[in-house]
Amino acid sequence: MKKHICILSIMLMLSSGFVAPVIADCPDEPMSCWGSPLDQGGARVYCGNITIGTCYDASRASCVPCDFKNSNNCANYVSSCNSRFPNCCKGDCWTAYKNWFGLKWTCSHDDTWMPPFWP
């Protein structure tokens, strides 16, 4: 009888998700928009944030912008920034995102660019 109770307890634990990891839906997050520099050679200007959807990426074990899950497709985010902040971006916005694990992504024409701060 003791053996059956033990097996039943293990089955209940496994079926309740105690052993398997639980993956919650990823929240919507802010992505910062950075406009053209005010002067030649100056730093890009912070325009504001857009809200983006994030999706769980098992290879990174974290939530990432949904368009970055399978490829680093920046077009939707850059377009959203340019539309939301037309006077600041002037059609040339760059975007930056940092998740809660500290992983960072940027959409820019300069692979070395990082924003001066993460709003």
PDB file of N, CA and C in Angstrom:
ATOM      1  N   MET A   1       0.823  -1.192   0.000  1.00  0.00           N
ATOM      2  CA  MET A   1       0.000   0.000   0.000  1.00  0.00           C
ATOM      3  C   MET A   1       0.866   1.255   0.000  1.00  0.00           C
ATOM      4  N   LYS A   2       1.963   1.225   0.791  1.00  0.00           N
ATOM      5  CA  LYS A   2       2.853   2.370   0.859  1.00  0.00           C
ATOM      6  C   LYS A   2       3.447   2.680  -0.521  1.00  0.00           C
ATOM      7  N   LYS A   3       3.774   1.653  -1.279  1.00  0.00           N
ATOM      8  CA  LYS A   3       4.346   1.810  -2.614  1.00  0.00           C
ATOM      9  C   LYS A   3       3.354   2.518  -3.536  1.00  0.00           C
ATOM     10  N   HIS A   4       2.091   2.186  -3.471  1.00  0.00           N
ATOM     11  CA  HIS A   4       1.067   2.803  -4.326  1.00  0.00           C
ATOM     12  C   HIS A   4       0.853   4.271  -3.972  1.00  0.00           C
ATOM     13  N   ILE A   5       0.912   4.593  -2.687  1.00  0.00           N
ATOM     14  CA  ILE A   5       0.750   5.989  -2.269  1.00  0.00           C
ATOM     15  C   ILE A   5       1.922   6.818  -2.778  1.00  0.00           C
ATOM     16  N   CYS A   6       3.136   6.276  -2.693  1.00  0.00           N
ATOM     17  CA  CYS A   6       4.323   6.976  -3.182  1.00  0.00           C
ATOM     18  C   CYS A   6       4.237   7.223  -4.678  1.00  0.00           C
ATOM     19  N   ILE A   7       3.876   6.222  -5.436  1.00  0.00           N
ATOM     20  CA  ILE A   7       3.749   6.358  -6.889  1.00  0.00           C
ATOM     21  C   ILE A   7       2.658   7.362  -7.228  1.00  0.00           C
ATOM     22  N   LEU A   8       1.527   7.303  -6.526  1.00  0.00           N
ATOM     23  CA  LEU A   8       0.429   8.233  -6.754  1.00  0.00           C
ATOM     24  C   LEU A   8       0.868   9.666  -6.444  1.00  0.00           C
ATOM     25  N   SER A   9       1.633   9.864  -5.370  1.00  0.00           N
ATOM     26  CA  SER A   9       2.128  11.193  -5.009  1.00  0.00           C
ATOM     27  C   SER A   9       3.046  11.754  -6.090  1.00  0.00           C
ATOM     28  N   ILE A  10       3.936  10.915  -6.609  1.00  0.00           N
ATOM     29  CA  ILE A  10       4.844  11.355  -7.678  1.00  0.00           C
ATOM     30  C   ILE A  10       4.052  11.712  -8.930  1.00  0.00           C
ATOM     31  N   MET A  11       3.055  10.922  -9.268  1.00  0.00           N
ATOM     32  CA  MET A  11       2.235  11.213 -10.446  1.00  0.00           C
ATOM     33  C   MET A  11       1.498  12.531 -10.277  1.00  0.00           C
ATOM     34  N   LEU A  12       0.982  12.818  -9.099  1.00  0.00           N
ATOM     35  CA  LEU A  12       0.291  14.078  -8.861  1.00  0.00           C
ATOM     36  C   LEU A  12       1.245  15.259  -8.966  1.00  0.00           C
ATOM     37  N   MET A  13       2.460  15.113  -8.447  1.00  0.00           N
ATOM     38  CA  MET A  13       3.447  16.185  -8.538  1.00  0.00           C
ATOM     39  C   MET A  13       3.794  16.473  -9.996  1.00  0.00           C
ATOM     40  N   LEU A  14       4.016  15.431 -10.766  1.00  0.00           N
ATOM     41  CA  LEU A  14       4.364  15.623 -12.174  1.00  0.00           C
ATOM     42  C   LEU A  14       3.201  16.241 -12.944  1.00  0.00           C
ATOM     43  N   SER A  15       1.997  15.797 -12.683  1.00  0.00           N
ATOM     44  CA  SER A  15       0.849  16.326 -13.418  1.00  0.00           C
ATOM     45  C   SER A  15       0.500  17.743 -12.989  1.00  0.00           C
ATOM     46  N   SER A  16       0.886  18.149 -11.778  1.00  0.00           N
ATOM     47  CA  SER A  16       0.585  19.496 -11.292  1.00  0.00           C
ATOM     48  C   SER A  16       1.610  20.515 -11.749  1.00  0.00           C
ATOM     49  N   GLY A  17       2.688  20.057 -12.368  1.00  0.00           N
ATOM     50  CA  GLY A  17       3.688  20.989 -12.872  1.00  0.00           C
ATOM     51  C   GLY A  17       4.785  21.322 -11.884  1.00  0.00           C
ATOM     52  N   PHE A  18       4.917  20.582 -10.804  1.00  0.00           N
ATOM     53  CA  PHE A  18       5.963  20.868  -9.832  1.00  0.00           C
ATOM     54  C   PHE A  18       7.350  20.614 -10.390  1.00  0.00           C
ATOM     55  N   VAL A  19       7.475  19.666 -11.297  1.00  0.00           N
ATOM     56  CA  VAL A  19       8.775  19.323 -11.847  1.00  0.00           C
ATOM     57  C   VAL A  19       9.025  20.054 -13.157  1.00  0.00           C
ATOM     58  N   ALA A  20       7.983  20.180 -13.965  1.00  0.00           N
ATOM     59  CA  ALA A  20       8.130  20.849 -15.255  1.00  0.00           C
ATOM     60  C   ALA A  20       8.158  22.359 -15.053  1.00  0.00           C
ATOM     61  N   PRO A  21       8.990  23.082 -15.805  1.00  0.00           N
ATOM     62  CA  PRO A  21       9.028  24.534 -15.663  1.00  0.00           C
ATOM     63  C   PRO A  21       7.728  25.160 -16.168  1.00  0.00           C
ATOM     64  N   VAL A  22       7.342  26.224 -15.534  1.00  0.00           N
ATOM     65  CA  VAL A  22       6.136  26.945 -15.931  1.00  0.00           C
ATOM     66  C   VAL A  22       6.579  28.206 -16.665  1.00  0.00           C
ATOM     67  N   ILE A  23       6.104  28.382 -17.873  1.00  0.00           N
ATOM     68  CA  ILE A  23       6.468  29.542 -18.676  1.00  0.00           C
ATOM     69  C   ILE A  23       5.240  30.429 -18.814  1.00  0.00           C
ATOM     70  N   ALA A  24       5.306  31.615 -18.256  1.00  0.00           N
ATOM     71  CA  ALA A  24       4.187  32.544 -18.310  1.00  0.00           C
ATOM     72  C   ALA A  24       4.242  33.335 -19.611  1.00  0.00           C
ATOM     73  N   ASP A  25       3.143  33.962 -19.928  1.00  0.00           N
ATOM     74  CA  ASP A  25       3.121  34.854 -21.086  1.00  0.00           C
ATOM     75  C   ASP A  25       4.092  35.995 -20.836  1.00  0.00           C
ATOM     76  N   CYS A  26       4.718  36.452 -21.887  1.00  0.00           N
ATOM     77  CA  CYS A  26       5.637  37.574 -21.764  1.00  0.00           C
ATOM     78  C   CYS A  26       4.845  38.882 -21.795  1.00  0.00           C
ATOM     79  N   PRO A  27       5.275  39.862 -21.011  1.00  0.00           N
ATOM     80  CA  PRO A  27       4.554  41.130 -20.961  1.00  0.00           C
ATOM     81  C   PRO A  27       4.903  42.035 -22.131  1.00  0.00           C
ATOM     82  N   ASP A  28       4.056  43.023 -22.374  1.00  0.00           N
ATOM     83  CA  ASP A  28       4.430  44.093 -23.292  1.00  0.00           C
ATOM     84  C   ASP A  28       5.499  44.921 -22.587  1.00  0.00           C
ATOM     85  N   GLU A  29       6.448  45.424 -23.365  1.00  0.00           N
ATOM     86  CA  GLU A  29       7.587  46.146 -22.800  1.00  0.00           C
ATOM     87  C   GLU A  29       7.840  47.433 -23.580  1.00  0.00           C
ATOM     88  N   PRO A  30       8.567  48.382 -22.981  1.00  0.00           N
ATOM     89  CA  PRO A  30       8.931  49.593 -23.720  1.00  0.00           C
ATOM     90  C   PRO A  30      10.185  49.374 -24.577  1.00  0.00           C
ATOM     91  N   MET A  31      10.192  49.999 -25.740  1.00  0.00           N
ATOM     92  CA  MET A  31      11.383  50.059 -26.581  1.00  0.00           C
ATOM     93  C   MET A  31      11.644  51.545 -26.813  1.00  0.00           C
ATOM     94  N   SER A  32      12.866  51.969 -26.608  1.00  0.00           N
ATOM     95  CA  SER A  32      13.182  53.391 -26.747  1.00  0.00           C
ATOM     96  C   SER A  32      13.485  53.756 -28.193  1.00  0.00           C
ATOM     97  N   CYS A  33      13.090  54.974 -28.533  1.00  0.00           N
ATOM     98  CA  CYS A  33      13.288  55.515 -29.878  1.00  0.00           C
ATOM     99  C   CYS A  33      14.302  56.653 -29.802  1.00  0.00           C
ATOM    100  N   TRP A  34      15.258  56.628 -30.716  1.00  0.00           N
ATOM    101  CA  TRP A  34      16.348  57.609 -30.722  1.00  0.00           C
ATOM    102  C   TRP A  34      16.405  58.309 -32.066  1.00  0.00           C
ATOM    103  N   GLY A  35      16.230  59.633 -32.044  1.00  0.00           N
ATOM    104  CA  GLY A  35      16.206  60.438 -33.264  1.00  0.00           C
ATOM    105  C   GLY A  35      17.582  60.902 -33.700  1.00  0.00           C
ATOM    106  N   SER A  36      17.583  61.562 -34.819  1.00  0.00           N
ATOM    107  CA  SER A  36      18.825  62.081 -35.402  1.00  0.00           C
ATOM    108  C   SER A  36      19.498  63.074 -34.460  1.00  0.00           C
ATOM    109  N   PRO A  37      20.828  63.130 -34.504  1.00  0.00           N
ATOM    110  CA  PRO A  37      21.545  64.114 -33.680  1.00  0.00           C
ATOM    111  C   PRO A  37      21.149  65.537 -34.060  1.00  0.00           C
ATOM    112  N   LEU A  38      21.176  66.433 -33.070  1.00  0.00           N
ATOM    113  CA  LEU A  38      20.842  67.833 -33.329  1.00  0.00           C
ATOM    114  C   LEU A  38      21.937  68.544 -34.115  1.00  0.00           C
ATOM    115  N   ASP A  39      23.167  68.089 -33.971  1.00  0.00           N
ATOM    116  CA  ASP A  39      24.267  68.691 -34.721  1.00  0.00           C
ATOM    117  C   ASP A  39      25.151  67.602 -35.323  1.00  0.00           C
ATOM    118  N   GLN A  40      25.958  67.969 -36.279  1.00  0.00           N
ATOM    119  CA  GLN A  40      26.843  67.026 -36.957  1.00  0.00           C
ATOM    120  C   GLN A  40      27.786  66.373 -35.952  1.00  0.00           C
ATOM    121  N   GLY A  41      27.777  65.060 -35.879  1.00  0.00           N
ATOM    122  CA  GLY A  41      28.665  64.334 -34.975  1.00  0.00           C
ATOM    123  C   GLY A  41      28.157  64.253 -33.542  1.00  0.00           C
ATOM    124  N   GLY A  42      26.985  64.788 -33.272  1.00  0.00           N
ATOM    125  CA  GLY A  42      26.442  64.757 -31.914  1.00  0.00           C
ATOM    126  C   GLY A  42      25.786  63.419 -31.595  1.00  0.00           C
ATOM    127  N   ALA A  43      25.377  63.297 -30.351  1.00  0.00           N
ATOM    128  CA  ALA A  43      24.700  62.076 -29.900  1.00  0.00           C
ATOM    129  C   ALA A  43      23.256  62.073 -30.371  1.00  0.00           C
ATOM    130  N   ARG A  44      22.713  60.898 -30.568  1.00  0.00           N
ATOM    131  CA  ARG A  44      21.312  60.771 -30.953  1.00  0.00           C
ATOM    132  C   ARG A  44      20.434  61.236 -29.800  1.00  0.00           C
ATOM    133  N   VAL A  45      19.256  61.734 -30.132  1.00  0.00           N
ATOM    134  CA  VAL A  45      18.339  62.324 -29.174  1.00  0.00           C
ATOM    135  C   VAL A  45      17.281  61.302 -28.762  1.00  0.00           C
ATOM    136  N   TYR A  46      17.028  61.181 -27.460  1.00  0.00           N
ATOM    137  CA  TYR A  46      15.970  60.292 -26.971  1.00  0.00           C
ATOM    138  C   TYR A  46      14.623  60.936 -27.279  1.00  0.00           C
ATOM    139  N   CYS A  47      13.776  60.213 -28.014  1.00  0.00           N
ATOM    140  CA  CYS A  47      12.473  60.733 -28.427  1.00  0.00           C
ATOM    141  C   CYS A  47      11.343  60.252 -27.511  1.00  0.00           C
ATOM    142  N   GLY A  48      11.431  59.044 -27.006  1.00  0.00           N
ATOM    143  CA  GLY A  48      10.386  58.455 -26.177  1.00  0.00           C
ATOM    144  C   GLY A  48      10.353  56.950 -26.381  1.00  0.00           C
ATOM    145  N   ASN A  49       9.325  56.307 -25.850  1.00  0.00           N
ATOM    146  CA  ASN A  49       9.193  54.856 -25.941  1.00  0.00           C
ATOM    147  C   ASN A  49       7.951  54.466 -26.724  1.00  0.00           C
ATOM    148  N   ILE A  50       8.019  53.314 -27.351  1.00  0.00           N
ATOM    149  CA  ILE A  50       6.843  52.665 -27.909  1.00  0.00           C
ATOM    150  C   ILE A  50       6.658  51.377 -27.108  1.00  0.00           C
ATOM    151  N   THR A  51       5.448  50.874 -27.067  1.00  0.00           N
ATOM    152  CA  THR A  51       5.184  49.618 -26.379  1.00  0.00           C
ATOM    153  C   THR A  51       5.176  48.499 -27.404  1.00  0.00           C
ATOM    154  N   ILE A  52       5.943  47.456 -27.120  1.00  0.00           N
ATOM    155  CA  ILE A  52       6.048  46.331 -28.050  1.00  0.00           C
ATOM    156  C   ILE A  52       5.652  45.036 -27.346  1.00  0.00           C
ATOM    157  N   GLY A  53       5.250  44.059 -28.120  1.00  0.00           N
ATOM    158  CA  GLY A  53       4.988  42.730 -27.592  1.00  0.00           C
ATOM    159  C   GLY A  53       6.281  41.955 -27.491  1.00  0.00           C
ATOM    160  N   THR A  54       6.390  41.148 -26.436  1.00  0.00           N
ATOM    161  CA  THR A  54       7.559  40.280 -26.308  1.00  0.00           C
ATOM    162  C   THR A  54       7.096  38.825 -26.293  1.00  0.00           C
ATOM    163  N   CYS A  55       7.957  37.945 -26.759  1.00  0.00           N
ATOM    164  CA  CYS A  55       7.659  36.518 -26.865  1.00  0.00           C
ATOM    165  C   CYS A  55       8.776  35.725 -26.203  1.00  0.00           C
ATOM    166  N   TYR A  56       8.412  34.582 -25.637  1.00  0.00           N
ATOM    167  CA  TYR A  56       9.416  33.742 -24.981  1.00  0.00           C
ATOM    168  C   TYR A  56      10.303  33.078 -26.022  1.00  0.00           C
ATOM    169  N   ASP A  57      11.605  33.159 -25.823  1.00  0.00           N
ATOM    170  CA  ASP A  57      12.591  32.536 -26.696  1.00  0.00           C
ATOM    171  C   ASP A  57      13.350  31.495 -25.865  1.00  0.00           C
ATOM    172  N   ALA A  58      13.087  30.229 -26.127  1.00  0.00           N
ATOM    173  CA  ALA A  58      13.693  29.152 -25.344  1.00  0.00           C
ATOM    174  C   ALA A  58      15.220  29.127 -25.478  1.00  0.00           C
ATOM    175  N   SER A  59      15.757  29.512 -26.625  1.00  0.00           N
ATOM    176  CA  SER A  59      17.209  29.482 -26.803  1.00  0.00           C
ATOM    177  C   SER A  59      17.905  30.517 -25.919  1.00  0.00           C
ATOM    178  N   ARG A  60      17.210  31.606 -25.596  1.00  0.00           N
ATOM    179  CA  ARG A  60      17.773  32.630 -24.712  1.00  0.00           C
ATOM    180  C   ARG A  60      17.199  32.532 -23.299  1.00  0.00           C
ATOM    181  N   ALA A  61      16.190  31.689 -23.133  1.00  0.00           N
ATOM    182  CA  ALA A  61      15.495  31.496 -21.855  1.00  0.00           C
ATOM    183  C   ALA A  61      14.998  32.810 -21.276  1.00  0.00           C
ATOM    184  N   SER A  62      14.437  33.647 -22.152  1.00  0.00           N
ATOM    185  CA  SER A  62      13.893  34.919 -21.692  1.00  0.00           C
ATOM    186  C   SER A  62      12.927  35.479 -22.730  1.00  0.00           C
ATOM    187  N   CYS A  63      12.256  36.539 -22.349  1.00  0.00           N
ATOM    188  CA  CYS A  63      11.343  37.221 -23.272  1.00  0.00           C
ATOM    189  C   CYS A  63      12.151  38.192 -24.127  1.00  0.00           C
ATOM    190  N   VAL A  64      11.865  38.211 -25.401  1.00  0.00           N
ATOM    191  CA  VAL A  64      12.543  39.097 -26.345  1.00  0.00           C
ATOM    192  C   VAL A  64      11.482  39.742 -27.232  1.00  0.00           C
ATOM    193  N   PRO A  65      11.805  40.849 -27.903  1.00  0.00           N
ATOM    194  CA  PRO A  65      10.844  41.405 -28.859  1.00  0.00           C
ATOM    195  C   PRO A  65      10.443  40.316 -29.860  1.00  0.00           C
ATOM    196  N   CYS A  66       9.157  40.218 -30.124  1.00  0.00           N
ATOM    197  CA  CYS A  66       8.655  39.113 -30.962  1.00  0.00           C
ATOM    198  C   CYS A  66       9.334  39.042 -32.330  1.00  0.00           C
ATOM    199  N   ASP A  67       9.613  40.183 -32.943  1.00  0.00           N
ATOM    200  CA  ASP A  67      10.275  40.170 -34.245  1.00  0.00           C
ATOM    201  C   ASP A  67      11.741  39.769 -34.155  1.00  0.00           C
ATOM    202  N   PHE A  68      12.295  39.682 -32.948  1.00  0.00           N
ATOM    203  CA  PHE A  68      13.679  39.259 -32.759  1.00  0.00           C
ATOM    204  C   PHE A  68      13.774  37.781 -32.430  1.00  0.00           C
ATOM    205  N   LYS A  69      12.642  37.131 -32.190  1.00  0.00           N
ATOM    206  CA  LYS A  69      12.667  35.733 -31.764  1.00  0.00           C
ATOM    207  C   LYS A  69      13.301  34.834 -32.822  1.00  0.00           C
ATOM    208  N   ASN A  70      12.907  34.976 -34.059  1.00  0.00           N
ATOM    209  CA  ASN A  70      13.427  34.122 -35.130  1.00  0.00           C
ATOM    210  C   ASN A  70      14.451  34.827 -36.004  1.00  0.00           C
ATOM    211  N   SER A  71      14.394  36.142 -36.040  1.00  0.00           N
ATOM    212  CA  SER A  71      15.366  36.920 -36.807  1.00  0.00           C
ATOM    213  C   SER A  71      15.399  38.321 -36.223  1.00  0.00           C
ATOM    214  N   ASN A  72      16.450  39.021 -36.446  1.00  0.00           N
ATOM    215  CA  ASN A  72      16.541  40.390 -35.938  1.00  0.00           C
ATOM    216  C   ASN A  72      15.908  41.358 -36.923  1.00  0.00           C
ATOM    217  N   ASN A  73      14.587  41.300 -37.015  1.00  0.00           N
ATOM    218  CA  ASN A  73      13.852  42.156 -37.934  1.00  0.00           C
ATOM    219  C   ASN A  73      13.455  43.445 -37.224  1.00  0.00           C
ATOM    220  N   CYS A  74      14.078  44.536 -37.598  1.00  0.00           N
ATOM    221  CA  CYS A  74      13.860  45.826 -36.942  1.00  0.00           C
ATOM    222  C   CYS A  74      12.818  46.690 -37.626  1.00  0.00           C
ATOM    223  N   ALA A  75      12.403  46.345 -38.808  1.00  0.00           N
ATOM    224  CA  ALA A  75      11.578  47.230 -39.639  1.00  0.00           C
ATOM    225  C   ALA A  75      10.318  47.719 -38.929  1.00  0.00           C
ATOM    226  N   ASN A  76       9.577  46.839 -38.260  1.00  0.00           N
ATOM    227  CA  ASN A  76       8.340  47.258 -37.592  1.00  0.00           C
ATOM    228  C   ASN A  76       8.602  48.241 -36.465  1.00  0.00           C
ATOM    229  N   TYR A  77       9.657  48.023 -35.695  1.00  0.00           N
ATOM    230  CA  TYR A  77       9.959  48.883 -34.560  1.00  0.00           C
ATOM    231  C   TYR A  77      10.432  50.256 -35.019  1.00  0.00           C
ATOM    232  N   VAL A  78      11.295  50.287 -36.014  1.00  0.00           N
ATOM    233  CA  VAL A  78      11.786  51.558 -36.546  1.00  0.00           C
ATOM    234  C   VAL A  78      10.622  52.341 -37.160  1.00  0.00           C
ATOM    235  N   SER A  79       9.770  51.668 -37.902  1.00  0.00           N
ATOM    236  CA  SER A  79       8.604  52.310 -38.507  1.00  0.00           C
ATOM    237  C   SER A  79       7.663  52.875 -37.435  1.00  0.00           C
ATOM    238  N   SER A  80       7.450  52.117 -36.375  1.00  0.00           N
ATOM    239  CA  SER A  80       6.588  52.587 -35.281  1.00  0.00           C
ATOM    240  C   SER A  80       7.166  53.825 -34.608  1.00  0.00           C
ATOM    241  N   CYS A  81       8.473  53.837 -34.383  1.00  0.00           N
ATOM    242  CA  CYS A  81       9.113  55.016 -33.788  1.00  0.00           C
ATOM    243  C   CYS A  81       8.999  56.227 -34.701  1.00  0.00           C
ATOM    244  N   ASN A  82       9.269  56.027 -35.986  1.00  0.00           N
ATOM    245  CA  ASN A  82       9.179  57.136 -36.931  1.00  0.00           C
ATOM    246  C   ASN A  82       7.762  57.700 -36.993  1.00  0.00           C
ATOM    247  N   SER A  83       6.754  56.837 -36.898  1.00  0.00           N
ATOM    248  CA  SER A  83       5.353  57.287 -36.929  1.00  0.00           C
ATOM    249  C   SER A  83       4.956  57.979 -35.631  1.00  0.00           C
ATOM    250  N   ARG A  84       5.390  57.441 -34.515  1.00  0.00           N
ATOM    251  CA  ARG A  84       5.000  57.976 -33.203  1.00  0.00           C
ATOM    252  C   ARG A  84       5.687  59.292 -32.896  1.00  0.00           C
ATOM    253  N   PHE A  85       6.928  59.472 -33.342  1.00  0.00           N
ATOM    254  CA  PHE A  85       7.712  60.670 -33.034  1.00  0.00           C
ATOM    255  C   PHE A  85       8.269  61.313 -34.311  1.00  0.00           C
ATOM    256  N   PRO A  86       7.398  61.770 -35.216  1.00  0.00           N
ATOM    257  CA  PRO A  86       7.888  62.277 -36.508  1.00  0.00           C
ATOM    258  C   PRO A  86       8.779  63.510 -36.392  1.00  0.00           C
ATOM    259  N   ASN A  87       8.508  64.405 -35.443  1.00  0.00           N
ATOM    260  CA  ASN A  87       9.324  65.621 -35.311  1.00  0.00           C
ATOM    261  C   ASN A  87      10.691  65.332 -34.723  1.00  0.00           C
ATOM    262  N   CYS A  88      10.780  64.328 -33.905  1.00  0.00           N
ATOM    263  CA  CYS A  88      12.058  63.978 -33.280  1.00  0.00           C
ATOM    264  C   CYS A  88      12.878  63.051 -34.181  1.00  0.00           C
ATOM    265  N   CYS A  89      12.223  62.052 -34.750  1.00  0.00           N
ATOM    266  CA  CYS A  89      12.940  61.057 -35.564  1.00  0.00           C
ATOM    267  C   CYS A  89      13.318  61.576 -36.940  1.00  0.00           C
ATOM    268  N   LYS A  90      12.456  62.394 -37.509  1.00  0.00           N
ATOM    269  CA  LYS A  90      12.674  62.915 -38.864  1.00  0.00           C
ATOM    270  C   LYS A  90      12.925  61.786 -39.860  1.00  0.00           C
ATOM    271  N   GLY A  91      12.211  60.643 -39.645  1.00  0.00           N
ATOM    272  CA  GLY A  91      12.319  59.504 -40.551  1.00  0.00           C
ATOM    273  C   GLY A  91      13.576  58.674 -40.389  1.00  0.00           C
ATOM    274  N   ASP A  92      14.369  58.934 -39.341  1.00  0.00           N
ATOM    275  CA  ASP A  92      15.643  58.227 -39.162  1.00  0.00           C
ATOM    276  C   ASP A  92      15.819  57.749 -37.723  1.00  0.00           C
ATOM    277  N   CYS A  93      14.772  57.197 -37.127  1.00  0.00           N
ATOM    278  CA  CYS A  93      14.881  56.716 -35.744  1.00  0.00           C
ATOM    279  C   CYS A  93      15.668  55.423 -35.664  1.00  0.00           C
ATOM    280  N   TRP A  94      16.403  55.273 -34.574  1.00  0.00           N
ATOM    281  CA  TRP A  94      17.029  54.030 -34.192  1.00  0.00           C
ATOM    282  C   TRP A  94      16.327  53.565 -32.923  1.00  0.00           C
ATOM    283  N   THR A  95      16.286  52.274 -32.686  1.00  0.00           N
ATOM    284  CA  THR A  95      15.586  51.765 -31.513  1.00  0.00           C
ATOM    285  C   THR A  95      16.533  50.974 -30.618  1.00  0.00           C
ATOM    286  N   ALA A  96      16.158  50.884 -29.343  1.00  0.00           N
ATOM    287  CA  ALA A  96      16.957  50.134 -28.375  1.00  0.00           C
ATOM    288  C   ALA A  96      16.022  49.453 -27.379  1.00  0.00           C
ATOM    289  N   TYR A  97      16.359  48.213 -27.034  1.00  0.00           N
ATOM    290  CA  TYR A  97      15.558  47.436 -26.089  1.00  0.00           C
ATOM    291  C   TYR A  97      16.481  46.678 -25.154  1.00  0.00           C
ATOM    292  N   LYS A  98      16.134  46.673 -23.870  1.00  0.00           N
ATOM    293  CA  LYS A  98      16.887  45.897 -22.877  1.00  0.00           C
ATOM    294  C   LYS A  98      15.876  45.139 -22.036  1.00  0.00           C
ATOM    295  N   ASN A  99      16.020  43.805 -21.994  1.00  0.00           N
ATOM    296  CA  ASN A  99      15.061  43.033 -21.198  1.00  0.00           C
ATOM    297  C   ASN A  99      15.520  42.954 -19.744  1.00  0.00           C
ATOM    298  N   TRP A 100      14.717  42.330 -18.907  1.00  0.00           N
ATOM    299  CA  TRP A 100      15.002  42.305 -17.477  1.00  0.00           C
ATOM    300  C   TRP A 100      16.190  41.427 -17.122  1.00  0.00           C
ATOM    301  N   PHE A 101      16.692  40.614 -18.059  1.00  0.00           N
ATOM    302  CA  PHE A 101      17.927  39.855 -17.826  1.00  0.00           C
ATOM    303  C   PHE A 101      19.161  40.661 -18.217  1.00  0.00           C
ATOM    304  N   GLY A 102      18.946  41.821 -18.817  1.00  0.00           N
ATOM    305  CA  GLY A 102      20.055  42.659 -19.234  1.00  0.00           C
ATOM    306  C   GLY A 102      20.496  42.428 -20.667  1.00  0.00           C
ATOM    307  N   LEU A 103      19.797  41.553 -21.413  1.00  0.00           N
ATOM    308  CA  LEU A 103      20.123  41.355 -22.822  1.00  0.00           C
ATOM    309  C   LEU A 103      19.687  42.596 -23.602  1.00  0.00           C
ATOM    310  N   LYS A 104      20.526  43.062 -24.506  1.00  0.00           N
ATOM    311  CA  LYS A 104      20.270  44.318 -25.213  1.00  0.00           C
ATOM    312  C   LYS A 104      20.220  44.099 -26.716  1.00  0.00           C
ATOM    313  N   TRP A 105      19.304  44.831 -27.369  1.00  0.00           N
ATOM    314  CA  TRP A 105      19.197  44.826 -28.818  1.00  0.00           C
ATOM    315  C   TRP A 105      19.059  46.253 -29.300  1.00  0.00           C
ATOM    316  N   THR A 106      19.691  46.550 -30.419  1.00  0.00           N
ATOM    317  CA  THR A 106      19.522  47.859 -31.047  1.00  0.00           C
ATOM    318  C   THR A 106      19.235  47.669 -32.530  1.00  0.00           C
ATOM    319  N   CYS A 107      18.511  48.617 -33.072  1.00  0.00           N
ATOM    320  CA  CYS A 107      18.258  48.665 -34.514  1.00  0.00           C
ATOM    321  C   CYS A 107      18.839  49.983 -34.994  1.00  0.00           C
ATOM    322  N   SER A 108      19.975  49.912 -35.638  1.00  0.00           N
ATOM    323  CA  SER A 108      20.643  51.124 -36.090  1.00  0.00           C
ATOM    324  C   SER A 108      21.476  50.807 -37.330  1.00  0.00           C
ATOM    325  N   HIS A 109      22.060  51.844 -37.893  1.00  0.00           N
ATOM    326  CA  HIS A 109      22.947  51.662 -39.045  1.00  0.00           C
ATOM    327  C   HIS A 109      24.396  51.505 -38.591  1.00  0.00           C
ATOM    328  N   ASP A 110      24.605  51.496 -37.260  1.00  0.00           N
ATOM    329  CA  ASP A 110      25.935  51.387 -36.682  1.00  0.00           C
ATOM    330  C   ASP A 110      25.914  50.225 -35.684  1.00  0.00           C
ATOM    331  N   ASP A 111      26.597  49.136 -36.006  1.00  0.00           N
ATOM    332  CA  ASP A 111      26.577  47.938 -35.161  1.00  0.00           C
ATOM    333  C   ASP A 111      27.180  48.153 -33.773  1.00  0.00           C
ATOM    334  N   THR A 112      27.950  49.204 -33.583  1.00  0.00           N
ATOM    335  CA  THR A 112      28.578  49.460 -32.289  1.00  0.00           C
ATOM    336  C   THR A 112      27.767  50.421 -31.422  1.00  0.00           C
ATOM    337  N   TRP A 113      26.700  50.992 -31.959  1.00  0.00           N
ATOM    338  CA  TRP A 113      25.929  52.006 -31.218  1.00  0.00           C
ATOM    339  C   TRP A 113      25.146  51.397 -30.070  1.00  0.00           C
ATOM    340  N   MET A 114      25.202  52.053 -28.934  1.00  0.00           N
ATOM    341  CA  MET A 114      24.364  51.767 -27.781  1.00  0.00           C
ATOM    342  C   MET A 114      23.852  53.108 -27.273  1.00  0.00           C
ATOM    343  N   PRO A 115      22.629  53.152 -26.775  1.00  0.00           N
ATOM    344  CA  PRO A 115      22.133  54.429 -26.256  1.00  0.00           C
ATOM    345  C   PRO A 115      22.929  54.849 -25.018  1.00  0.00           C
ATOM    346  N   PRO A 116      22.990  56.143 -24.749  1.00  0.00           N
ATOM    347  CA  PRO A 116      23.748  56.623 -23.580  1.00  0.00           C
ATOM    348  C   PRO A 116      23.078  56.227 -22.258  1.00  0.00           C
ATOM    349  N   PHE A 117      21.773  55.934 -22.279  1.00  0.00           N
ATOM    350  CA  PHE A 117      21.060  55.460 -21.101  1.00  0.00           C
ATOM    351  C   PHE A 117      19.887  54.610 -21.567  1.00  0.00           C
ATOM    352  N   TRP A 118      19.329  53.811 -20.657  1.00  0.00           N
ATOM    353  CA  TRP A 118      18.210  52.914 -20.971  1.00  0.00           C
ATOM    354  C   TRP A 118      16.970  53.395 -20.235  1.00  0.00           C
ATOM    355  N   PRO A 119      16.119  54.152 -20.921  1.00  0.00           N
ATOM    356  CA  PRO A 119      14.914  54.679 -20.263  1.00  0.00           C
ATOM    357  C   PRO A 119      13.916  53.593 -19.932  1.00  0.00           C
TER     358      PRO A 119
END
